[in-house]
Amino acid sequence: MTACTVIGLGEAGATYAAALVAAGHSVTGFDPVAPSAPAGVTRAATAAQACAGADIVLVLTGAAAARSVAQECLPVLPAGSCYADFTSSSPHVMQELGQLPGEALFADVAILGPVPTEGVKTPLMVSGPGSRAVAHLLSPLGADVEIADGEPGAAMAHKLLRSVLMKGLASVVVEAVTAGRAAGLEEWIRAQIARQLAGDGQAVIDRFLTGTSKHALRRSREMQDTASYLSADLGVPAEMTAASATALTRIAAETTQKAPALR
């Protein structure tokens, strides 16, 4: 049995706390806002109190609280324990937190999926001296824990790069489906999206990389027209379309500047 502490008992924190209790671990929790704690979790009055005697601490607060929580908890943790920060802090902040005074092994943990739907089986990437402790605790619960090379901040760097794709893709899909619905063509645009997301992913990536620079100028004009159609004719938001037009205009200019050097 491992003495675990969960700081932050919101949706994600409560999910991990409940799973750790179910696995037979001793779990102490702290959250100044959450109205309740999962069954079996001993609730402490402060974050520092919750960490007393802990083998491993999982911090699932908002990123804004990451520094203050670390400064309160790290000094009270014993040598050989693990402090695992699951907050969506920047790689630079993770590096700084990993250098704060303390005897605990610091781990930067990036959540690579939606905890509300995947629960404790949500894939994780972890970096830093405490990585193996996190994997040892959470892998038996069904989590796919990948240890990244490098110091604290390496895992979060991977997550933020992934966010460029996942959050950007989600925003584009929402905008396209919203426009399709307004035009009376929702099922058609859904089928188009599904077709693009299927098949040989690497081939699609190569096609995007090659085709975008080659046809950037024409595509930028097309996306300007598309943004106008969405906003003026359909009356729906066109932020992603307008941003694509701006990006393509920049890429076209960069490609033109490089052209003489390539001849």
Protein backbone atom coordinates (compact mmCIF):
# COMPACT_ATOMS: atom_id res chain seq x y z
CA MET A 1 0.00 0.00 0.00
CA THR A 2 1.31 3.42 -0.99
CA ALA A 3 0.57 6.59 0.95
CA CYS A 4 -0.81 8.87 -1.77
CA THR A 5 -1.83 12.52 -1.69
CA VAL A 6 -4.02 14.17 -4.30
CA ILE A 7 -3.98 17.97 -4.38
CA GLY A 8 -6.99 19.21 -6.33
CA LEU A 9 -10.20 17.18 -6.06
CA GLY A 10 -11.96 18.44 -9.15
CA GLU A 11 -13.11 16.05 -11.87
CA ALA A 12 -9.65 14.74 -12.77
CA GLY A 13 -8.27 14.73 -9.22
CA ALA A 14 -11.34 12.95 -7.86
CA THR A 15 -11.04 10.34 -10.63
CA TYR A 16 -7.46 9.48 -9.72
CA ALA A 17 -8.15 9.62 -5.97
CA ALA A 18 -11.10 7.20 -6.24
CA ALA A 19 -9.09 4.79 -8.40
CA LEU A 20 -6.18 4.80 -5.95
CA VAL A 21 -8.54 4.04 -3.06
CA ALA A 22 -10.10 1.20 -5.05
CA ALA A 23 -6.61 -0.20 -5.70
CA GLY A 24 -5.98 -0.40 -1.95
CA HIS A 25 -3.79 2.65 -1.46
CA SER A 26 -4.07 5.12 1.40
CA VAL A 27 -5.24 8.45 -0.06
CA THR A 28 -5.27 11.90 1.49
CA GLY A 29 -6.71 14.81 -0.43
CA PHE A 30 -6.82 18.58 -0.31
CA ASP A 31 -8.93 21.07 -2.21
CA PRO A 32 -10.07 24.42 -0.83
CA VAL A 33 -13.06 24.58 -3.18
CA ALA A 34 -14.39 21.09 -4.00
CA PRO A 35 -17.49 20.43 -1.86
CA SER A 36 -16.72 16.76 -1.30
CA ALA A 37 -14.06 14.08 -1.64
CA PRO A 38 -14.40 10.55 -3.05
CA ALA A 39 -15.28 7.83 -0.58
CA GLY A 40 -12.22 6.57 1.28
CA VAL A 41 -10.22 9.78 0.83
CA THR A 42 -9.09 11.48 4.03
CA ARG A 43 -9.44 15.21 3.56
CA ALA A 44 -6.74 17.48 5.01
CA ALA A 45 -7.09 21.10 6.08
CA THR A 46 -4.07 22.34 4.07
CA ALA A 47 -1.95 21.14 1.19
CA ALA A 48 1.10 20.82 3.44
CA GLN A 49 -0.88 18.77 5.96
CA ALA A 50 -2.08 16.49 3.18
CA CYS A 51 1.53 15.83 2.13
CA ALA A 52 2.83 14.84 5.57
CA GLY A 53 4.19 11.29 5.33
CA ALA A 54 3.20 10.86 1.68
CA ASP A 55 5.08 8.50 -0.61
CA ILE A 56 3.76 10.25 -3.71
CA VAL A 57 1.83 13.47 -4.33
CA LEU A 58 -0.32 14.00 -7.41
CA VAL A 59 -1.06 17.66 -8.12
CA LEU A 60 -4.15 18.16 -10.28
CA THR A 61 -4.89 21.84 -9.77
CA GLY A 62 -5.08 24.60 -12.35
CA ALA A 63 -1.76 25.76 -13.75
CA ALA A 64 -2.09 29.10 -11.96
CA ALA A 65 -1.73 27.34 -8.60
CA ALA A 66 1.20 25.10 -9.56
CA ARG A 67 3.95 27.29 -8.13
CA SER A 68 2.26 28.10 -4.82
CA VAL A 69 1.29 24.45 -4.25
CA ALA A 70 4.84 23.28 -4.99
CA GLN A 71 6.32 25.87 -2.65
CA GLU A 72 4.01 24.74 0.14
CA CYS A 73 4.32 20.99 -0.36
CA LEU A 74 7.88 20.25 -1.44
CA PRO A 75 9.52 21.36 1.85
CA VAL A 76 7.48 18.87 3.92
CA LEU A 77 8.02 15.81 1.73
CA PRO A 78 10.57 13.21 2.85
CA ALA A 79 13.59 12.08 0.85
CA GLY A 80 12.71 9.43 -1.70
CA SER A 81 9.10 10.53 -2.09
CA CYS A 82 7.69 11.75 -5.40
CA TYR A 83 5.99 15.03 -6.29
CA ALA A 84 4.09 14.65 -9.57
CA ASP A 85 2.77 17.83 -11.18
CA PHE A 86 -0.14 17.12 -13.57
CA THR A 87 -0.94 20.80 -14.17
CA SER A 88 -0.86 22.21 -17.69
CA SER A 89 2.03 24.52 -16.88
CA SER A 90 4.54 25.55 -19.53
CA PRO A 91 7.77 23.56 -19.97
CA HIS A 92 9.68 26.52 -18.54
CA VAL A 93 7.56 26.57 -15.39
CA MET A 94 8.00 22.82 -14.97
CA GLN A 95 11.76 23.26 -15.20
CA GLU A 96 11.64 25.94 -12.51
CA LEU A 97 9.44 23.86 -10.20
CA GLY A 98 11.78 20.91 -10.62
CA GLN A 99 14.60 23.07 -9.24
CA LEU A 100 12.78 24.21 -6.08
CA PRO A 101 14.36 23.12 -2.79
CA GLY A 102 13.17 19.79 -1.46
CA GLU A 103 14.03 16.12 -1.01
CA ALA A 104 11.22 14.70 -3.17
CA LEU A 105 11.78 13.46 -6.72
CA PHE A 106 9.97 15.82 -9.09
CA ALA A 107 7.92 14.54 -12.04
CA ASP A 108 6.34 16.55 -14.85
CA VAL A 109 3.20 14.68 -15.97
CA ALA A 110 1.36 15.48 -19.20
CA ILE A 111 -2.19 14.16 -19.61
CA LEU A 112 -2.61 13.13 -23.26
CA GLY A 113 -6.34 12.64 -23.45
CA PRO A 114 -9.71 13.50 -21.87
CA VAL A 115 -9.85 12.22 -18.29
CA PRO A 116 -13.68 12.64 -18.11
CA THR A 117 -14.11 9.96 -20.80
CA GLU A 118 -11.01 7.77 -20.36
CA GLY A 119 -10.61 7.98 -16.59
CA VAL A 120 -7.39 6.63 -15.09
CA LYS A 121 -6.66 4.84 -18.37
CA THR A 122 -5.96 8.20 -20.02
CA PRO A 123 -2.47 8.06 -21.61
CA LEU A 124 0.22 9.96 -19.73
CA MET A 125 3.71 11.16 -20.55
CA VAL A 126 6.09 11.82 -17.68
CA SER A 127 9.59 13.23 -17.35
CA GLY A 128 11.97 14.06 -14.53
CA PRO A 129 13.53 12.13 -11.62
CA GLY A 130 10.15 10.94 -10.29
CA SER A 131 9.00 9.41 -13.58
CA ARG A 132 9.39 5.77 -12.57
CA ALA A 133 7.48 6.31 -9.34
CA VAL A 134 4.52 7.70 -11.30
CA ALA A 135 4.62 4.80 -13.76
CA HIS A 136 4.89 2.27 -10.91
CA LEU A 137 1.80 3.74 -9.21
CA LEU A 138 -0.48 4.37 -12.20
CA SER A 139 0.39 1.67 -14.74
CA PRO A 140 -1.33 -1.05 -12.64
CA LEU A 141 -4.50 1.06 -12.79
CA GLY A 142 -4.51 0.74 -16.59
CA ALA A 143 -2.77 3.97 -17.54
CA ASP A 144 -0.40 3.93 -20.51
CA VAL A 145 2.53 5.82 -18.97
CA GLU A 146 5.32 6.82 -21.36
CA ILE A 147 8.56 8.10 -19.84
CA ALA A 148 10.09 10.89 -21.91
CA ASP A 149 13.80 11.55 -22.04
CA GLY A 150 14.91 14.73 -20.36
CA GLU A 151 14.31 16.75 -17.25
CA PRO A 152 11.03 18.23 -15.97
CA GLY A 153 9.36 20.14 -18.77
CA ALA A 154 10.05 17.53 -21.45
CA ALA A 155 6.66 15.85 -21.00
CA MET A 156 4.80 19.14 -21.12
CA ALA A 157 6.69 20.16 -24.27
CA HIS A 158 5.33 17.04 -25.95
CA LYS A 159 1.79 17.83 -24.75
CA LEU A 160 1.83 21.41 -26.01
CA LEU A 161 3.06 20.29 -29.43
CA ARG A 162 0.20 17.78 -29.48
CA SER A 163 -2.20 20.58 -28.53
CA VAL A 164 -1.29 22.48 -31.70
CA LEU A 165 -2.86 19.59 -33.59
CA MET A 166 -5.64 18.41 -31.28
CA LYS A 167 -7.06 21.75 -30.15
CA GLY A 168 -6.56 23.33 -33.58
CA LEU A 169 -8.15 20.35 -35.34
CA ALA A 170 -11.10 20.36 -32.95
CA SER A 171 -11.65 24.08 -33.56
CA VAL A 172 -11.53 23.63 -37.33
CA VAL A 173 -14.00 20.73 -37.19
CA VAL A 174 -16.40 22.74 -35.01
CA GLU A 175 -16.22 25.68 -37.41
CA ALA A 176 -16.72 23.49 -40.47
CA VAL A 177 -19.70 21.60 -39.02
CA THR A 178 -21.27 24.83 -37.77
CA ALA A 179 -20.95 26.35 -41.25
CA GLY A 180 -22.23 23.15 -42.85
CA ARG A 181 -25.28 23.18 -40.60
CA ALA A 182 -25.99 26.81 -41.47
CA ALA A 183 -25.74 25.97 -45.17
CA GLY A 184 -27.99 22.90 -44.85
CA LEU A 185 -25.04 20.63 -45.68
CA GLU A 186 -24.05 19.24 -42.28
CA GLU A 187 -24.10 15.56 -43.26
CA TRP A 188 -22.04 16.26 -46.37
CA ILE A 189 -19.33 18.19 -44.50
CA ARG A 190 -19.26 15.51 -41.77
CA ALA A 191 -18.57 12.90 -44.45
CA GLN A 192 -15.80 15.07 -45.89
CA ILE A 193 -14.17 15.42 -42.47
CA ALA A 194 -14.41 11.69 -41.77
CA ARG A 195 -12.82 10.88 -45.14
CA GLN A 196 -9.88 13.20 -44.47
CA LEU A 197 -9.27 11.71 -41.02
CA ALA A 198 -9.15 8.14 -42.36
CA GLY A 199 -6.45 6.36 -44.32
CA ASP A 200 -2.67 6.70 -44.41
CA GLY A 201 -1.86 9.40 -41.85
CA GLN A 202 1.79 9.80 -42.82
CA ALA A 203 0.87 10.25 -46.47
CA VAL A 204 -1.64 12.94 -45.52
CA ILE A 205 1.00 14.77 -43.47
CA ASP A 206 3.46 14.71 -46.38
CA ARG A 207 0.75 15.94 -48.75
CA PHE A 208 -0.12 18.82 -46.44
CA LEU A 209 3.54 19.81 -45.99
CA THR A 210 4.29 19.74 -49.71
CA GLY A 211 1.04 21.13 -51.04
CA THR A 212 0.67 23.98 -48.58
CA SER A 213 3.89 25.77 -49.50
CA LYS A 214 3.43 25.04 -53.19
CA HIS A 215 -0.11 26.42 -53.41
CA ALA A 216 -0.12 28.85 -50.48
CA LEU A 217 -0.94 31.99 -52.48
CA ARG A 218 -3.95 30.48 -54.27
CA ARG A 219 -5.18 28.85 -51.08
CA SER A 220 -4.85 32.06 -49.08
CA ARG A 221 -7.18 33.82 -51.53
CA GLU A 222 -9.60 30.92 -51.40
CA MET A 223 -9.66 31.01 -47.59
CA GLN A 224 -10.27 34.76 -47.62
CA ASP A 225 -13.31 34.12 -49.82
CA THR A 226 -14.36 31.28 -47.54
CA ALA A 227 -14.14 33.46 -44.43
CA SER A 228 -16.28 36.08 -46.16
CA TYR A 229 -18.85 33.43 -47.13
CA LEU A 230 -19.08 32.09 -43.57
CA SER A 231 -19.42 35.47 -41.90
CA ALA A 232 -21.41 37.44 -44.48
CA ASP A 233 -23.62 34.80 -46.10
CA LEU A 234 -24.01 32.13 -43.41
CA GLY A 235 -23.68 34.36 -40.34
CA VAL A 236 -21.36 31.98 -38.50
CA PRO A 237 -17.95 32.57 -36.85
CA ALA A 238 -14.94 32.20 -39.14
CA GLU A 239 -11.96 32.64 -36.80
CA MET A 240 -10.16 29.46 -37.87
CA THR A 241 -10.78 30.12 -41.55
CA ALA A 242 -9.51 33.69 -41.26
CA ALA A 243 -6.46 32.46 -39.34
CA SER A 244 -5.76 29.93 -42.10
CA ALA A 245 -5.91 32.70 -44.68
CA THR A 246 -3.43 34.76 -42.67
CA ALA A 247 -1.06 31.79 -42.23
CA LEU A 248 -1.21 30.91 -45.93
CA THR A 249 -0.46 34.52 -46.89
CA ARG A 250 2.64 34.40 -44.67
CA ILE A 251 3.73 31.05 -46.10
CA ALA A 252 3.27 32.33 -49.65
CA ALA A 253 5.47 35.35 -48.88
CA GLU A 254 8.15 33.18 -47.29
CA THR A 255 8.10 30.79 -50.25
CA THR A 256 8.54 33.70 -52.67
CA GLN A 257 11.49 35.05 -50.66
CA LYS A 258 13.21 31.66 -50.71
CA ALA A 259 12.59 31.04 -54.41
CA PRO A 260 15.67 32.94 -55.77
CA ALA A 261 17.98 30.93 -53.52
CA LEU A 262 16.53 27.70 -54.88
CA ARG A 263 17.09 28.55 -58.53
